[in-house]
């Protein structure tokens, strides 16, 4: 395997376009209602596989129709699912995604589903079989992977000589950056968006927040800023990378996951970190102009063409 991805995969039901009045009406006509697949780790894994990487996915699903559909989808996209735990009686995650006219989305989730049930016991047995690059795709998604569990897992991954990249969601229980000091020090590449990072620090100043991350021991921070691009910081080196523009943003679901996958692809190819960030932006741009988390990221050729145009 080239890259191992740890984290969730779900069935997505996408509905759009919707507005804030949807719950005040008995019936609302929309432009699309479609079933797809999502989840931070599954999105990353599928994109990386489509870009030509050999990808191992580590996760847990239920022994139900949704779980079987997810495993079939991952396998059909070339992702190795031999380390995915199938737990009888556990409902597999199904997420309702409400997409507004600007492409932004709101999620309806089941906290009792596999989305929130990944535990360290589902991951530790596979550490010795992981690839040289490991992505922990969703800090704070599963409450079972609390701070002590993440510190134990990340320490084990790093002690085995692997490169660790971490993405995140908003903290669920008021966790702060200082709470994560024992976790963050093991992370080579941290890829939060600016809102998620602000939730950890209590500040909206991106530069201050990046400095705080580096002070905690992160080797490299890549802060995603949506349409404003990203900020890349490693030691004293900082770069503001513009977003790769698209004609129309249709659906931003999976954009951050596609960004992370593009970054990991370029990293595994030995590119410079600035090139990694630019390729990540090009990958994300292919995601947002089509409905579905990674529907638009179809091949290395497509992303490379976008990257070459954007990098000129």
Foldseek 3Di string as FASTA:
>chain_A
DAEEEEAAKFKEWEWDDDDPCCVVDPDDDGDDTDIDMDTLRLLLLLLLLQAPDAYEYFFEAEPDDGVVVSVVVSVVSRYHDPLYHYHYPAHAKYWYWHAHPQQDTDIDTDCRHSQQDTALVSPVVCLVVGHQEYEHGEPQRHVNCPLVNLLVVLVSNVVVPHAYEYEYDAHDPQAAPVNNLSNLQSHAEYEYAQVNLCSRHVDSDPVVSVVSSVVSHHQWYWYQHPQQAIWIDGPPDIDRDGALDDPGFNHQAQLSSQLVSQLSSVVSVVDDNVLSSLLSRLRSNQQGVDPDNRVRSRHSVNSVVSSVVRVD
